[in-house]
Amino acid sequence: MKNLVSRCPIEEVMQILSGRWPTLLIYYLTKGAKRFSDLRRDNPTISHKMLTSELRKLEEAGIVERTAFEGYPLRVEYKLTSAGHNLVPLVDALGDWWKQRQTLASSAIL
């Protein structure tokens, strides 16, 4: 990860949640554990490498828990930790903000 330029906690959070995928992965994991292939299906434009990288980043941050099950083929599931569940209202708030913005923008056009 890049070095921090300030002591602001927002900067630290944004290092973890910035980019296209982290908040989407949190969103798709809100309904429960998912396998890697399910997350690929939910996000068809993400590459295998990028999904792996983003899931590892979220796992290192304590937001996502990875569980590998014995057997062949190897089955791996990802789910939100309690810290991850605490982020869900923030992700929902971002979505709500965008919906309000879109509504205001469309009413301004009329």
Protein backbone atom coordinates (compact mmCIF):
# COMPACT_ATOMS: atom_id res chain seq x y z
CA MET A 1 0.00 0.00 0.00
CA LYS A 2 1.01 3.58 -0.54
CA ASN A 3 2.41 5.62 2.32
CA LEU A 4 0.05 7.86 4.22
CA VAL A 5 0.52 11.60 3.75
CA SER A 6 -1.45 12.66 6.83
CA ARG A 7 -2.66 11.32 10.13
CA CYS A 8 -6.27 11.61 9.07
CA PRO A 9 -8.25 8.40 9.70
CA ILE A 10 -10.26 9.05 6.53
CA GLU A 11 -7.10 8.65 4.47
CA GLU A 12 -6.44 5.27 6.06
CA VAL A 13 -9.99 4.10 5.36
CA MET A 14 -9.82 5.35 1.78
CA GLN A 15 -6.63 3.38 1.19
CA ILE A 16 -8.64 0.24 1.88
CA LEU A 17 -11.94 1.21 0.25
CA SER A 18 -10.68 3.25 -2.70
CA GLY A 19 -11.03 2.02 -6.21
CA ARG A 20 -13.82 0.35 -8.09
CA TRP A 21 -14.01 -3.03 -6.39
CA PRO A 22 -13.78 -2.96 -2.55
CA THR A 23 -17.17 -1.36 -1.89
CA LEU A 24 -18.80 -3.52 -4.57
CA LEU A 25 -17.38 -6.65 -2.94
CA ILE A 26 -18.69 -5.52 0.43
CA TYR A 27 -22.08 -4.87 -1.16
CA TYR A 28 -22.25 -8.34 -2.71
CA LEU A 29 -21.18 -10.00 0.53
CA THR A 30 -23.92 -8.33 2.60
CA LYS A 31 -26.32 -11.18 1.85
CA GLY A 32 -23.94 -13.84 3.16
CA ALA A 33 -20.92 -15.92 2.26
CA LYS A 34 -20.04 -16.33 -1.40
CA ARG A 35 -17.61 -18.45 -3.32
CA PHE A 36 -14.93 -16.89 -5.49
CA SER A 37 -16.83 -17.89 -8.64
CA ASP A 38 -20.00 -16.23 -7.31
CA LEU A 39 -18.12 -12.97 -6.81
CA ARG A 40 -16.74 -13.23 -10.35
CA ARG A 41 -20.29 -13.74 -11.63
CA ASP A 42 -21.51 -10.71 -9.66
CA ASN A 43 -18.67 -8.61 -11.10
CA PRO A 44 -18.08 -9.99 -14.61
CA THR A 45 -15.60 -7.31 -15.66
CA ILE A 46 -13.15 -7.93 -12.82
CA SER A 47 -10.15 -10.07 -13.68
CA HIS A 48 -9.23 -13.14 -11.66
CA LYS A 49 -6.01 -11.44 -10.55
CA MET A 50 -7.75 -8.22 -9.47
CA LEU A 51 -10.47 -10.07 -7.55
CA THR A 52 -7.83 -12.10 -5.73
CA SER A 53 -5.86 -8.95 -4.92
CA GLU A 54 -8.90 -7.01 -3.67
CA LEU A 55 -10.14 -9.90 -1.53
CA ARG A 56 -6.68 -10.26 0.03
CA LYS A 57 -6.60 -6.53 0.76
CA LEU A 58 -10.02 -6.72 2.45
CA GLU A 59 -8.96 -9.83 4.34
CA GLU A 60 -5.78 -8.14 5.61
CA ALA A 61 -7.89 -5.18 6.76
CA GLY A 62 -10.16 -7.52 8.73
CA ILE A 63 -13.22 -6.75 6.59
CA VAL A 64 -13.54 -10.12 4.86
CA GLU A 65 -12.94 -13.63 6.18
CA ARG A 66 -11.72 -16.37 3.86
CA THR A 67 -12.61 -19.98 4.61
CA ALA A 68 -11.06 -22.85 2.63
CA PHE A 69 -12.81 -26.20 2.77
CA GLU A 70 -10.94 -29.48 2.38
CA GLY A 71 -11.49 -31.65 -0.60
CA TYR A 72 -11.05 -31.58 -4.30
CA PRO A 73 -11.66 -29.26 -5.93
CA LEU A 74 -10.72 -26.73 -3.29
CA ARG A 75 -13.76 -24.70 -2.20
CA VAL A 76 -13.20 -21.23 -0.80
CA GLU A 77 -15.86 -18.91 0.63
CA TYR A 78 -15.66 -15.28 1.59
CA LYS A 79 -17.86 -13.51 4.10
CA LEU A 80 -17.94 -10.21 5.92
CA THR A 81 -16.49 -10.04 9.40
CA SER A 82 -18.20 -7.97 12.09
CA ALA A 83 -15.97 -5.06 11.03
CA GLY A 84 -17.16 -5.61 7.46
CA HIS A 85 -20.79 -5.59 8.55
CA ASN A 86 -20.12 -2.28 10.31
CA LEU A 87 -19.18 -0.81 6.91
CA VAL A 88 -22.48 -1.80 5.26
CA PRO A 89 -24.41 1.30 6.47
CA LEU A 90 -21.63 3.48 5.04
CA VAL A 91 -21.79 1.72 1.67
CA ASP A 92 -25.59 2.03 1.72
CA ALA A 93 -25.27 5.74 2.57
CA LEU A 94 -23.04 6.25 -0.47
CA GLY A 95 -25.68 4.59 -2.65
CA ASP A 96 -28.43 6.70 -1.11
CA TRP A 97 -26.40 9.86 -1.67
CA TRP A 98 -25.97 8.98 -5.33
CA LYS A 99 -29.68 8.26 -5.79
CA GLN A 100 -30.54 11.66 -4.26
CA ARG A 101 -28.01 13.35 -6.50
CA GLN A 102 -29.45 11.65 -9.58
CA THR A 103 -32.98 12.64 -8.57
CA LEU A 104 -31.93 16.28 -8.11
CA ALA A 105 -30.08 16.28 -11.41
CA SER A 106 -33.02 14.83 -13.33
CA SER A 107 -35.49 17.28 -11.72
CA ALA A 108 -33.18 20.19 -12.61
CA ILE A 109 -33.26 19.15 -16.27
CA LEU A 110 -37.05 19.27 -16.37
